Amino acid sequence: MVVDFFAGLVGGAAGVLVGHPLDTVKVHLQTDDPKNPKYRGTFHCFKTILMKDDIRGLYRGISSPMSGIGLVNAIVFGVYGNVQRLSDEPNSLLSHFWAGSLAGVAQSFVCAPMELAKTRLQLANNIDTGVKFKGPIDCLRHIIRTDGIRGAFKGLVATIFRDIPGFSSYFVSYEFIIRMREKPNIPYTLMAGGCAGMASWLACYPIDVVKTHMQADALGSSAKYNGFIDCSIKGYKKEGVYFFFRGLNSTLIRAFPMNAACFFVVSWILDFFNKNGIDMVVNSNQQLNIVNLENKQLTDPTDDEIVREIITDGALEFPLLRSHDI
């Protein structure tokens, strides 16, 4: 259903809008000089940026994740919704587990190169590579020119390993918490989404640390790691268990509001379409139609409607959606 993709797209944008300030804080903390640190912690960093650059400083660079995360979440919620409905027992937690796992695998093929470019851009000022990138697209073009298509997917296997437990726990924990109340209200829904995001990161964070080290490894003059296992062993020998949990605190603080907003928006959109008996489908000419499920009539949305704007200009460009043509 296109509704799932649309809900994921808007929910992803909402999550980025809420979570980006703390992502900015995380990047500042990660790149801070340990010998002469500017910040005493997460909240001191947040306050310093806000006082120096006002609210614009916290939202600097939001355009890249706003487009990338929106697409990733469109894939996640689209694949998740369709796989879950095809299950023999769609309401069971097991069906949510498998749907979440497959959604994690599907989005990894977009997420891996996106995070590879993000990692290289974030560390470009720390490691002299002799190349300056204008942005993520320019970075990926350079990677493909030098290392081929395969180079753009460095860390893909680690991303898949991370996102299978990450997204399965994401959806299962959300469903489990939501079902504890017969009629969950808005604050409870926000709490469920936030807790689901935190549970997801707790389930996959050690793998994410290894993935990041593998993707950053390409920045040096020579590779340090021969693969996922080698990176894990060397990291453990150097720093112990702490290696797998570096930066977890700021990640969990960011995860709660970001995922609370995302899940609330997705749930609200799906509930709105279900209550009003409306669906969105794409015809054989790649045109979006609004379907009234009660009388089966098709109507074209007007050009100024936000639904047509987002779906036509964004989601329909992704090949996975074309499998839902009618």
C-alpha atoms as a PDB file:
ATOM      1  CA  MET A   1       0.000   0.000   0.000  1.00  0.00           C
ATOM      2  CA  VAL A   2       1.269   3.432  -0.943  1.00  0.00           C
ATOM      3  CA  VAL A   3      -0.240   4.736   2.304  1.00  0.00           C
ATOM      4  CA  ASP A   4       2.459   2.852   4.249  1.00  0.00           C
ATOM      5  CA  PHE A   5       5.213   4.464   2.195  1.00  0.00           C
ATOM      6  CA  PHE A   6       3.616   7.893   2.551  1.00  0.00           C
ATOM      7  CA  ALA A   7       3.213   7.500   6.319  1.00  0.00           C
ATOM      8  CA  GLY A   8       6.839   6.398   6.646  1.00  0.00           C
ATOM      9  CA  LEU A   9       8.039   9.311   4.528  1.00  0.00           C
ATOM     10  CA  VAL A  10       6.226  11.934   6.608  1.00  0.00           C
ATOM     11  CA  GLY A  11       6.998  10.158   9.891  1.00  0.00           C
ATOM     12  CA  GLY A  12      10.688  10.027   8.999  1.00  0.00           C
ATOM     13  CA  ALA A  13      10.710  13.748   8.265  1.00  0.00           C
ATOM     14  CA  ALA A  14       9.016  14.422  11.612  1.00  0.00           C
ATOM     15  CA  GLY A  15      11.593  12.292  13.410  1.00  0.00           C
ATOM     16  CA  VAL A  16      14.489  14.144  11.791  1.00  0.00           C
ATOM     17  CA  LEU A  17      12.916  17.504  12.612  1.00  0.00           C
ATOM     18  CA  VAL A  18      12.721  16.544  16.294  1.00  0.00           C
ATOM     19  CA  GLY A  19      15.979  14.595  16.553  1.00  0.00           C
ATOM     20  CA  HIS A  20      18.388  16.664  14.447  1.00  0.00           C
ATOM     21  CA  PRO A  21      19.400  19.094  17.234  1.00  0.00           C
ATOM     22  CA  LEU A  22      20.642  16.189  19.361  1.00  0.00           C
ATOM     23  CA  ASP A  23      22.332  14.680  16.310  1.00  0.00           C
ATOM     24  CA  THR A  24      24.196  17.976  15.919  1.00  0.00           C
ATOM     25  CA  VAL A  25      25.203  17.730  19.581  1.00  0.00           C
ATOM     26  CA  LYS A  26      26.399  14.161  19.043  1.00  0.00           C
ATOM     27  CA  VAL A  27      28.594  15.173  16.094  1.00  0.00           C
ATOM     28  CA  HIS A  28      30.107  18.065  18.094  1.00  0.00           C
ATOM     29  CA  LEU A  29      30.898  15.727  20.991  1.00  0.00           C
ATOM     30  CA  GLN A  30      32.407  13.094  18.694  1.00  0.00           C
ATOM     31  CA  THR A  31      34.701  15.620  16.998  1.00  0.00           C
ATOM     32  CA  ASP A  32      35.638  17.500  20.179  1.00  0.00           C
ATOM     33  CA  ASP A  33      39.351  17.567  21.036  1.00  0.00           C
ATOM     34  CA  PRO A  34      39.842  15.162  23.982  1.00  0.00           C
ATOM     35  CA  LYS A  35      43.015  17.008  25.063  1.00  0.00           C
ATOM     36  CA  ASN A  36      41.291  20.400  25.133  1.00  0.00           C
ATOM     37  CA  PRO A  37      37.532  19.716  25.223  1.00  0.00           C
ATOM     38  CA  LYS A  38      35.030  22.512  24.646  1.00  0.00           C
ATOM     39  CA  TYR A  39      32.100  20.658  26.181  1.00  0.00           C
ATOM     40  CA  ARG A  40      31.537  19.051  29.574  1.00  0.00           C
ATOM     41  CA  GLY A  41      28.742  16.801  28.331  1.00  0.00           C
ATOM     42  CA  THR A  42      25.612  16.507  26.218  1.00  0.00           C
ATOM     43  CA  PHE A  43      23.571  19.258  27.852  1.00  0.00           C
ATOM     44  CA  HIS A  44      26.506  21.675  28.094  1.00  0.00           C
ATOM     45  CA  CYS A  45      27.165  21.161  24.387  1.00  0.00           C
ATOM     46  CA  PHE A  46      23.493  21.771  23.565  1.00  0.00           C
ATOM     47  CA  LYS A  47      23.462  24.989  25.604  1.00  0.00           C
ATOM     48  CA  THR A  48      26.746  26.232  24.085  1.00  0.00           C
ATOM     49  CA  ILE A  49      25.569  25.764  20.492  1.00  0.00           C
ATOM     50  CA  LEU A  50      22.234  27.399  21.258  1.00  0.00           C
ATOM     51  CA  MET A  51      23.863  30.437  22.873  1.00  0.00           C
ATOM     52  CA  LYS A  52      26.433  30.844  20.090  1.00  0.00           C
ATOM     53  CA  ASP A  53      24.362  30.193  16.941  1.00  0.00           C
ATOM     54  CA  ASP A  54      20.763  30.225  18.298  1.00  0.00           C
ATOM     55  CA  ILE A  55      18.304  27.612  16.981  1.00  0.00           C
ATOM     56  CA  ARG A  56      19.833  27.691  13.484  1.00  0.00           C
ATOM     57  CA  GLY A  57      23.038  26.207  14.839  1.00  0.00           C
ATOM     58  CA  LEU A  58      21.195  23.141  16.094  1.00  0.00           C
ATOM     59  CA  TYR A  59      19.498  22.591  12.721  1.00  0.00           C
ATOM     60  CA  ARG A  60      22.567  23.177  10.545  1.00  0.00           C
ATOM     61  CA  GLY A  61      22.860  20.498   7.830  1.00  0.00           C
ATOM     62  CA  ILE A  62      19.321  19.182   8.234  1.00  0.00           C
ATOM     63  CA  SER A  63      18.622  19.005   4.468  1.00  0.00           C
ATOM     64  CA  SER A  64      20.670  15.841   3.934  1.00  0.00           C
ATOM     65  CA  PRO A  65      19.106  13.672   6.686  1.00  0.00           C
ATOM     66  CA  MET A  66      15.667  15.138   5.968  1.00  0.00           C
ATOM     67  CA  SER A  67      15.748  13.680   2.452  1.00  0.00           C
ATOM     68  CA  GLY A  68      17.706  10.517   3.258  1.00  0.00           C
ATOM     69  CA  ILE A  69      15.919   9.440   6.447  1.00  0.00           C
ATOM     70  CA  GLY A  70      12.556  10.204   4.879  1.00  0.00           C
ATOM     71  CA  LEU A  71      13.288   7.778   2.047  1.00  0.00           C
ATOM     72  CA  VAL A  72      14.642   5.129   4.411  1.00  0.00           C
ATOM     73  CA  ASN A  73      11.552   5.319   6.626  1.00  0.00           C
ATOM     74  CA  ALA A  74       9.297   5.234   3.570  1.00  0.00           C
ATOM     75  CA  ILE A  75      10.934   1.908   2.666  1.00  0.00           C
ATOM     76  CA  VAL A  76      10.861   0.622   6.245  1.00  0.00           C
ATOM     77  CA  PHE A  77       7.188   1.300   6.944  1.00  0.00           C
ATOM     78  CA  GLY A  78       6.163   0.361   3.393  1.00  0.00           C
ATOM     79  CA  VAL A  79       7.878  -3.045   3.433  1.00  0.00           C
ATOM     80  CA  TYR A  80       6.919  -3.636   7.065  1.00  0.00           C
ATOM     81  CA  GLY A  81       3.235  -2.891   6.475  1.00  0.00           C
ATOM     82  CA  ASN A  82       2.912  -5.065   3.392  1.00  0.00           C
ATOM     83  CA  VAL A  83       4.894  -8.026   4.771  1.00  0.00           C
ATOM     84  CA  GLN A  84       3.029  -7.900   8.064  1.00  0.00           C
ATOM     85  CA  ARG A  85      -0.360  -7.960   6.327  1.00  0.00           C
ATOM     86  CA  LEU A  86       0.664 -10.965   4.203  1.00  0.00           C
ATOM     87  CA  SER A  87       1.425 -12.967   7.348  1.00  0.00           C
ATOM     88  CA  ASP A  88      -0.884 -15.828   8.339  1.00  0.00           C
ATOM     89  CA  GLU A  89      -1.276 -14.223  11.766  1.00  0.00           C
ATOM     90  CA  PRO A  90      -0.750 -10.491  11.141  1.00  0.00           C
ATOM     91  CA  ASN A  91      -1.584  -9.504  14.726  1.00  0.00           C
ATOM     92  CA  SER A  92       0.976 -11.777  16.371  1.00  0.00           C
ATOM     93  CA  LEU A  93       4.231 -10.350  17.706  1.00  0.00           C
ATOM     94  CA  LEU A  94       6.083 -12.951  15.624  1.00  0.00           C
ATOM     95  CA  SER A  95       4.670 -11.461  12.421  1.00  0.00           C
ATOM     96  CA  HIS A  96       5.850  -8.023  13.550  1.00  0.00           C
ATOM     97  CA  PHE A  97       9.291  -9.519  14.230  1.00  0.00           C
ATOM     98  CA  TRP A  98       9.628 -10.962  10.717  1.00  0.00           C
ATOM     99  CA  ALA A  99       8.141  -7.890   9.045  1.00  0.00           C
ATOM    100  CA  GLY A 100      10.548  -5.653  10.956  1.00  0.00           C
ATOM    101  CA  SER A 101      13.507  -7.870  10.073  1.00  0.00           C
ATOM    102  CA  LEU A 102      12.702  -7.822   6.343  1.00  0.00           C
ATOM    103  CA  ALA A 103      12.112  -4.071   6.462  1.00  0.00           C
ATOM    104  CA  GLY A 104      15.556  -3.671   8.022  1.00  0.00           C
ATOM    105  CA  VAL A 105      17.175  -5.707   5.262  1.00  0.00           C
ATOM    106  CA  ALA A 106      15.350  -3.766   2.517  1.00  0.00           C
ATOM    107  CA  GLN A 107      16.363  -0.321   3.762  1.00  0.00           C
ATOM    108  CA  SER A 108      19.985  -1.389   4.327  1.00  0.00           C
ATOM    109  CA  PHE A 109      20.713  -1.123   0.608  1.00  0.00           C
ATOM    110  CA  VAL A 110      19.879   2.592   0.777  1.00  0.00           C
ATOM    111  CA  CYS A 111      21.118   3.197   4.303  1.00  0.00           C
ATOM    112  CA  ALA A 112      24.617   1.689   3.861  1.00  0.00           C
ATOM    113  CA  PRO A 113      25.881   4.060   1.123  1.00  0.00           C
ATOM    114  CA  MET A 114      24.085   6.979   2.768  1.00  0.00           C
ATOM    115  CA  GLU A 115      25.821   6.336   6.099  1.00  0.00           C
ATOM    116  CA  LEU A 116      29.148   5.684   4.360  1.00  0.00           C
ATOM    117  CA  ALA A 117      29.012   9.149   2.772  1.00  0.00           C
ATOM    118  CA  LYS A 118      27.888  10.694   6.076  1.00  0.00           C
ATOM    119  CA  THR A 119      30.781   9.072   7.952  1.00  0.00           C
ATOM    120  CA  ARG A 120      33.365  10.275   5.449  1.00  0.00           C
ATOM    121  CA  LEU A 121      31.963  13.789   5.477  1.00  0.00           C
ATOM    122  CA  GLN A 122      31.918  13.911   9.283  1.00  0.00           C
ATOM    123  CA  LEU A 123      35.552  12.793   9.514  1.00  0.00           C
ATOM    124  CA  ALA A 124      36.886  14.688   6.491  1.00  0.00           C
ATOM    125  CA  ASN A 125      38.388  17.438   8.676  1.00  0.00           C
ATOM    126  CA  ASN A 126      40.017  14.958  11.056  1.00  0.00           C
ATOM    127  CA  ILE A 127      41.840  12.802   8.513  1.00  0.00           C
ATOM    128  CA  ASP A 128      43.766  14.194   5.552  1.00  0.00           C
ATOM    129  CA  THR A 129      42.556  12.302   2.483  1.00  0.00           C
ATOM    130  CA  GLY A 130      43.587  14.922  -0.056  1.00  0.00           C
ATOM    131  CA  VAL A 131      39.977  15.181  -1.241  1.00  0.00           C
ATOM    132  CA  LYS A 132      37.322  17.699  -0.213  1.00  0.00           C
ATOM    133  CA  PHE A 133      33.680  16.838  -0.822  1.00  0.00           C
ATOM    134  CA  LYS A 134      30.903  19.308  -1.610  1.00  0.00           C
ATOM    135  CA  GLY A 135      28.262  17.041  -0.115  1.00  0.00           C
ATOM    136  CA  PRO A 136      27.035  13.425   0.132  1.00  0.00           C
ATOM    137  CA  ILE A 137      26.355  13.067  -3.615  1.00  0.00           C
ATOM    138  CA  ASP A 138      29.821  14.336  -4.505  1.00  0.00           C
ATOM    139  CA  CYS A 139      31.292  11.997  -1.898  1.00  0.00           C
ATOM    140  CA  LEU A 140      29.516   8.950  -3.343  1.00  0.00           C
ATOM    141  CA  ARG A 141      30.563   9.909  -6.868  1.00  0.00           C
ATOM    142  CA  HIS A 142      34.185  10.003  -5.744  1.00  0.00           C
ATOM    143  CA  ILE A 143      33.856   6.624  -4.014  1.00  0.00           C
ATOM    144  CA  ILE A 144      32.365   5.041  -7.144  1.00  0.00           C
ATOM    145  CA  ARG A 145      35.079   6.553  -9.367  1.00  0.00           C
ATOM    146  CA  THR A 146      37.883   5.259  -7.151  1.00  0.00           C
ATOM    147  CA  ASP A 147      36.459   2.002  -5.757  1.00  0.00           C
ATOM    148  CA  GLY A 148      33.595   1.152  -8.108  1.00  0.00           C
ATOM    149  CA  ILE A 149      29.990   0.409  -7.160  1.00  0.00           C
ATOM    150  CA  ARG A 150      31.186  -2.109  -4.594  1.00  0.00           C
ATOM    151  CA  GLY A 151      33.018   0.648  -2.738  1.00  0.00           C
ATOM    152  CA  ALA A 152      29.774   2.581  -2.240  1.00  0.00           C
ATOM    153  CA  PHE A 153      28.372  -0.404  -0.333  1.00  0.00           C
ATOM    154  CA  LYS A 154      31.262  -0.775   2.102  1.00  0.00           C
ATOM    155  CA  GLY A 155      29.790  -1.915   5.404  1.00  0.00           C
ATOM    156  CA  LEU A 156      26.578  -3.259   3.829  1.00  0.00           C
ATOM    157  CA  VAL A 157      26.835  -6.657   5.541  1.00  0.00           C
ATOM    158  CA  ALA A 158      27.416  -4.984   8.911  1.00  0.00           C
ATOM    159  CA  THR A 159      24.456  -2.677   8.231  1.00  0.00           C
ATOM    160  CA  ILE A 160      22.218  -5.688   7.561  1.00  0.00           C
ATOM    161  CA  PHE A 161      23.487  -7.423  10.724  1.00  0.00           C
ATOM    162  CA  ARG A 162      22.678  -4.252  12.664  1.00  0.00           C
ATOM    163  CA  ASP A 163      19.259  -3.564  11.184  1.00  0.00           C
ATOM    164  CA  ILE A 164      17.754  -7.058  11.465  1.00  0.00           C
ATOM    165  CA  PRO A 165      17.776  -6.981  15.298  1.00  0.00           C
ATOM    166  CA  GLY A 166      17.389  -3.207  15.256  1.00  0.00           C
ATOM    167  CA  PHE A 167      14.145  -3.018  13.304  1.00  0.00           C
ATOM    168  CA  SER A 168      12.643  -6.279  14.577  1.00  0.00           C
ATOM    169  CA  SER A 169      13.011  -5.062  18.178  1.00  0.00           C
ATOM    170  CA  TYR A 170      11.816  -1.625  17.038  1.00  0.00           C
ATOM    171  CA  PHE A 171       8.410  -2.843  15.888  1.00  0.00           C
ATOM    172  CA  VAL A 172       7.935  -5.686  18.380  1.00  0.00           C
ATOM    173  CA  SER A 173       8.619  -3.458  21.388  1.00  0.00           C
ATOM    174  CA  TYR A 174       6.264  -0.775  20.047  1.00  0.00           C
ATOM    175  CA  GLU A 175       3.441  -3.288  19.508  1.00  0.00           C
ATOM    176  CA  PHE A 176       4.044  -4.875  22.907  1.00  0.00           C
ATOM    177  CA  ILE A 177       3.854  -1.530  24.737  1.00  0.00           C
ATOM    178  CA  ILE A 178       0.850  -0.286  22.756  1.00  0.00           C
ATOM    179  CA  ARG A 179      -1.118  -3.471  23.503  1.00  0.00           C
ATOM    180  CA  MET A 180      -0.742  -2.925  27.233  1.00  0.00           C
ATOM    181  CA  ARG A 181      -3.516  -0.321  26.976  1.00  0.00           C
ATOM    182  CA  GLU A 182      -6.880  -0.886  25.338  1.00  0.00           C
ATOM    183  CA  LYS A 183      -7.169   2.711  24.122  1.00  0.00           C
ATOM    184  CA  PRO A 184      -3.729   4.372  24.129  1.00  0.00           C
ATOM    185  CA  ASN A 185      -3.840   8.168  24.212  1.00  0.00           C
ATOM    186  CA  ILE A 186      -1.398  10.569  22.547  1.00  0.00           C
ATOM    187  CA  PRO A 187       1.138  10.769  25.432  1.00  0.00           C
ATOM    188  CA  TYR A 188       1.146   6.975  25.717  1.00  0.00           C
ATOM    189  CA  THR A 189       1.691   6.585  21.953  1.00  0.00           C
ATOM    190  CA  LEU A 190       4.602   9.023  22.108  1.00  0.00           C
ATOM    191  CA  MET A 191       6.069   7.100  25.044  1.00  0.00           C
ATOM    192  CA  ALA A 192       5.707   3.792  23.178  1.00  0.00           C
ATOM    193  CA  GLY A 193       7.467   5.161  20.109  1.00  0.00           C
ATOM    194  CA  GLY A 194      10.283   6.634  22.176  1.00  0.00           C
ATOM    195  CA  CYS A 195      10.810   3.412  24.127  1.00  0.00           C
ATOM    196  CA  ALA A 196      10.779   1.420  20.878  1.00  0.00           C
ATOM    197  CA  GLY A 197      13.548   3.606  19.498  1.00  0.00           C
ATOM    198  CA  MET A 198      15.651   3.148  22.619  1.00  0.00           C
ATOM    199  CA  ALA A 199      15.057  -0.619  22.614  1.00  0.00           C
ATOM    200  CA  SER A 200      16.131  -0.746  18.978  1.00  0.00           C
ATOM    201  CA  TRP A 201      19.446   0.980  19.671  1.00  0.00           C
ATOM    202  CA  LEU A 202      20.123  -1.163  22.743  1.00  0.00           C
ATOM    203  CA  ALA A 203      19.638  -4.274  20.597  1.00  0.00           C
ATOM    204  CA  CYS A 204      21.966  -3.224  17.790  1.00  0.00           C
ATOM    205  CA  TYR A 205      24.323  -0.543  19.106  1.00  0.00           C
ATOM    206  CA  PRO A 206      27.463  -2.723  19.464  1.00  0.00           C
ATOM    207  CA  ILE A 207      27.083  -3.764  15.810  1.00  0.00           C
ATOM    208  CA  ASP A 208      26.595  -0.125  14.823  1.00  0.00           C
ATOM    209  CA  VAL A 209      29.901   0.810  16.468  1.00  0.00           C
ATOM    210  CA  VAL A 210      31.717  -1.864  14.463  1.00  0.00           C
ATOM    211  CA  LYS A 211      29.973  -0.758  11.259  1.00  0.00           C
ATOM    212  CA  THR A 212      31.035   2.845  11.780  1.00  0.00           C
ATOM    213  CA  HIS A 213      34.659   1.838  12.359  1.00  0.00           C
ATOM    214  CA  MET A 214      34.621  -0.265   9.187  1.00  0.00           C
ATOM    215  CA  GLN A 215      33.194   2.567   7.088  1.00  0.00           C
ATOM    216  CA  ALA A 216      35.626   5.097   8.574  1.00  0.00           C
ATOM    217  CA  ASP A 217      38.500   2.676   7.953  1.00  0.00           C
ATOM    218  CA  ALA A 218      38.516   3.632   4.254  1.00  0.00           C
ATOM    219  CA  LEU A 219      39.621   7.158   5.181  1.00  0.00           C
ATOM    220  CA  GLY A 220      43.079   6.101   6.282  1.00  0.00           C
ATOM    221  CA  SER A 221      46.094   5.414   4.076  1.00  0.00           C
ATOM    222  CA  SER A 222      45.726   1.686   4.670  1.00  0.00           C
ATOM    223  CA  ALA A 223      42.883  -0.461   5.959  1.00  0.00           C
ATOM    224  CA  LYS A 224      43.095  -1.570   9.588  1.00  0.00           C
ATOM    225  CA  TYR A 225      40.362  -4.187   9.448  1.00  0.00           C
ATOM    226  CA  ASN A 226      39.818  -7.258   7.293  1.00  0.00           C
ATOM    227  CA  GLY A 227      36.116  -7.522   8.024  1.00  0.00           C
ATOM    228  CA  PHE A 228      33.428  -7.431  10.687  1.00  0.00           C
ATOM    229  CA  ILE A 229      34.957 -10.132  12.938  1.00  0.00           C
ATOM    230  CA  ASP A 230      38.462  -8.677  12.683  1.00  0.00           C
ATOM    231  CA  CYS A 231      37.201  -5.187  13.559  1.00  0.00           C
ATOM    232  CA  SER A 232      35.274  -6.520  16.566  1.00  0.00           C
ATOM    233  CA  ILE A 233      38.269  -8.459  17.923  1.00  0.00           C
ATOM    234  CA  LYS A 234      40.738  -5.589  17.485  1.00  0.00           C
ATOM    235  CA  GLY A 235      38.340  -3.098  19.047  1.00  0.00           C
ATOM    236  CA  TYR A 236      37.755  -5.348  22.059  1.00  0.00           C
ATOM    237  CA  LYS A 237      41.480  -5.970  22.560  1.00  0.00           C
ATOM    238  CA  LYS A 238      42.179  -2.232  22.486  1.00  0.00           C
ATOM    239  CA  GLU A 239      39.340  -0.863  24.650  1.00  0.00           C
ATOM    240  CA  GLY A 240      37.504  -3.830  26.135  1.00  0.00           C
ATOM    241  CA  VAL A 241      33.700  -3.921  26.289  1.00  0.00           C
ATOM    242  CA  TYR A 242      33.600  -0.100  26.322  1.00  0.00           C
ATOM    243  CA  PHE A 243      34.509  -0.153  22.604  1.00  0.00           C
ATOM    244  CA  PHE A 244      31.046  -1.509  21.740  1.00  0.00           C
ATOM    245  CA  PHE A 245      29.147   1.137  23.735  1.00  0.00           C
ATOM    246  CA  ARG A 246      31.044   4.360  22.997  1.00  0.00           C
ATOM    247  CA  GLY A 247      28.568   7.247  22.589  1.00  0.00           C
ATOM    248  CA  LEU A 248      25.537   5.233  23.684  1.00  0.00           C
ATOM    249  CA  ASN A 249      24.246   7.864  26.141  1.00  0.00           C
ATOM    250  CA  SER A 250      23.770  10.642  23.581  1.00  0.00           C
ATOM    251  CA  THR A 251      22.284   8.147  21.121  1.00  0.00           C
ATOM    252  CA  LEU A 252      19.610   7.021  23.597  1.00  0.00           C
ATOM    253  CA  ILE A 253      18.771  10.611  24.551  1.00  0.00           C
ATOM    254  CA  ARG A 254      18.258  11.421  20.864  1.00  0.00           C
ATOM    255  CA  ALA A 255      16.407   8.172  20.102  1.00  0.00           C
ATOM    256  CA  PHE A 256      13.461   8.784  22.429  1.00  0.00           C
ATOM    257  CA  PRO A 257      12.059  12.086  21.058  1.00  0.00           C
ATOM    258  CA  MET A 258      12.985  11.244  17.465  1.00  0.00           C
ATOM    259  CA  ASN A 259      11.204   7.896  17.408  1.00  0.00           C
ATOM    260  CA  ALA A 260       8.305   9.138  19.518  1.00  0.00           C
ATOM    261  CA  ALA A 261       7.579  11.772  16.882  1.00  0.00           C
ATOM    262  CA  CYS A 262       8.075   9.329  14.011  1.00  0.00           C
ATOM    263  CA  PHE A 263       5.773   6.634  15.394  1.00  0.00           C
ATOM    264  CA  PHE A 264       3.105   9.124  16.413  1.00  0.00           C
ATOM    265  CA  VAL A 265       2.952  10.698  12.931  1.00  0.00           C
ATOM    266  CA  VAL A 266       2.940   7.305  11.186  1.00  0.00           C
ATOM    267  CA  SER A 267       0.188   5.992  13.477  1.00  0.00           C
ATOM    268  CA  TRP A 268      -1.878   9.158  13.042  1.00  0.00           C
ATOM    269  CA  ILE A 269      -1.678   9.041   9.227  1.00  0.00           C
ATOM    270  CA  LEU A 270      -2.550   5.333   9.023  1.00  0.00           C
ATOM    271  CA  ASP A 271      -5.428   5.820  11.473  1.00  0.00           C
ATOM    272  CA  PHE A 272      -6.719   8.807   9.487  1.00  0.00           C
ATOM    273  CA  PHE A 273      -6.792   6.858   6.216  1.00  0.00           C
ATOM    274  CA  ASN A 274      -8.370   3.802   7.848  1.00  0.00           C
ATOM    275  CA  LYS A 275     -11.112   5.779   9.627  1.00  0.00           C
ATOM    276  CA  ASN A 276     -12.043   7.643   6.450  1.00  0.00           C
ATOM    277  CA  GLY A 277     -11.961   4.552   4.231  1.00  0.00           C
ATOM    278  CA  ILE A 278      -9.282   6.040   1.986  1.00  0.00           C
ATOM    279  CA  ASP A 279      -6.355   4.410   0.220  1.00  0.00           C
ATOM    280  CA  MET A 280      -3.705   5.613  -2.232  1.00  0.00           C
ATOM    281  CA  VAL A 281      -2.728   3.525  -5.249  1.00  0.00           C
ATOM    282  CA  VAL A 282      -0.436   3.993  -8.230  1.00  0.00           C
ATOM    283  CA  ASN A 283      -1.842   3.119 -11.651  1.00  0.00           C
ATOM    284  CA  SER A 284       0.042   1.632 -14.614  1.00  0.00           C
ATOM    285  CA  ASN A 285       0.985   5.128 -15.806  1.00  0.00           C
ATOM    286  CA  GLN A 286       2.767   5.898 -12.500  1.00  0.00           C
ATOM    287  CA  GLN A 287      -0.004   8.318 -11.497  1.00  0.00           C
ATOM    288  CA  LEU A 288      -1.260   8.616  -7.940  1.00  0.00           C
ATOM    289  CA  ASN A 289      -4.958   8.100  -7.290  1.00  0.00           C
ATOM    290  CA  ILE A 290      -6.999   8.480  -4.122  1.00  0.00           C
ATOM    291  CA  VAL A 291      -9.370   5.561  -3.575  1.00  0.00           C
ATOM    292  CA  ASN A 292     -12.563   5.822  -1.525  1.00  0.00           C
ATOM    293  CA  LEU A 293     -12.897   2.246  -0.287  1.00  0.00           C
ATOM    294  CA  GLU A 294     -16.577   2.686   0.516  1.00  0.00           C
ATOM    295  CA  ASN A 295     -17.799   3.497  -3.003  1.00  0.00           C
ATOM    296  CA  LYS A 296     -14.700   2.351  -4.986  1.00  0.00           C
ATOM    297  CA  GLN A 297     -14.414   5.670  -6.818  1.00  0.00           C
ATOM    298  CA  LEU A 298     -11.059   6.965  -8.041  1.00  0.00           C
ATOM    299  CA  THR A 299     -10.249  10.640  -7.845  1.00  0.00           C
ATOM    300  CA  ASP A 300      -7.104  12.538  -8.786  1.00  0.00           C
ATOM    301  CA  PRO A 301      -5.775  14.864  -6.095  1.00  0.00           C
ATOM    302  CA  THR A 302      -5.212  18.478  -7.020  1.00  0.00           C
ATOM    303  CA  ASP A 303      -1.688  19.753  -7.615  1.00  0.00           C
ATOM    304  CA  ASP A 304      -1.663  21.812  -4.432  1.00  0.00           C
ATOM    305  CA  GLU A 305      -2.387  18.842  -2.167  1.00  0.00           C
ATOM    306  CA  ILE A 306       0.525  17.834   0.000  1.00  0.00           C
ATOM    307  CA  VAL A 307      -0.107  14.120  -0.527  1.00  0.00           C
ATOM    308  CA  ARG A 308       0.469  14.348  -4.289  1.00  0.00           C
ATOM    309  CA  GLU A 309       3.470  16.631  -3.801  1.00  0.00           C
ATOM    310  CA  ILE A 310       5.322  14.265  -1.479  1.00  0.00           C
ATOM    311  CA  ILE A 311       4.458  10.972  -3.176  1.00  0.00           C
ATOM    312  CA  THR A 312       4.877  12.054  -6.807  1.00  0.00           C
ATOM    313  CA  ASP A 313       8.066  14.067  -6.308  1.00  0.00           C
ATOM    314  CA  GLY A 314       9.683  11.755  -3.768  1.00  0.00           C
ATOM    315  CA  ALA A 315       8.560   8.202  -3.148  1.00  0.00           C
ATOM    316  CA  LEU A 316       7.612   7.215  -6.707  1.00  0.00           C
ATOM    317  CA  GLU A 317      11.211   7.722  -7.783  1.00  0.00           C
ATOM    318  CA  PHE A 318      12.220   4.678  -5.747  1.00  0.00           C
ATOM    319  CA  PRO A 319      11.971   1.366  -7.671  1.00  0.00           C
ATOM    320  CA  LEU A 320      10.543  -0.642  -4.754  1.00  0.00           C
ATOM    321  CA  LEU A 321       7.286   1.272  -5.046  1.00  0.00           C
ATOM    322  CA  ARG A 322       6.792   0.147  -8.640  1.00  0.00           C
ATOM    323  CA  SER A 323       6.074  -3.367  -7.414  1.00  0.00           C
ATOM    324  CA  HIS A 324       2.779  -1.978  -6.094  1.00  0.00           C
ATOM    325  CA  ASP A 325       1.491  -0.807  -9.503  1.00  0.00           C
ATOM    326  CA  ILE A 326      -2.059  -1.842 -10.382  1.00  0.00           C
END
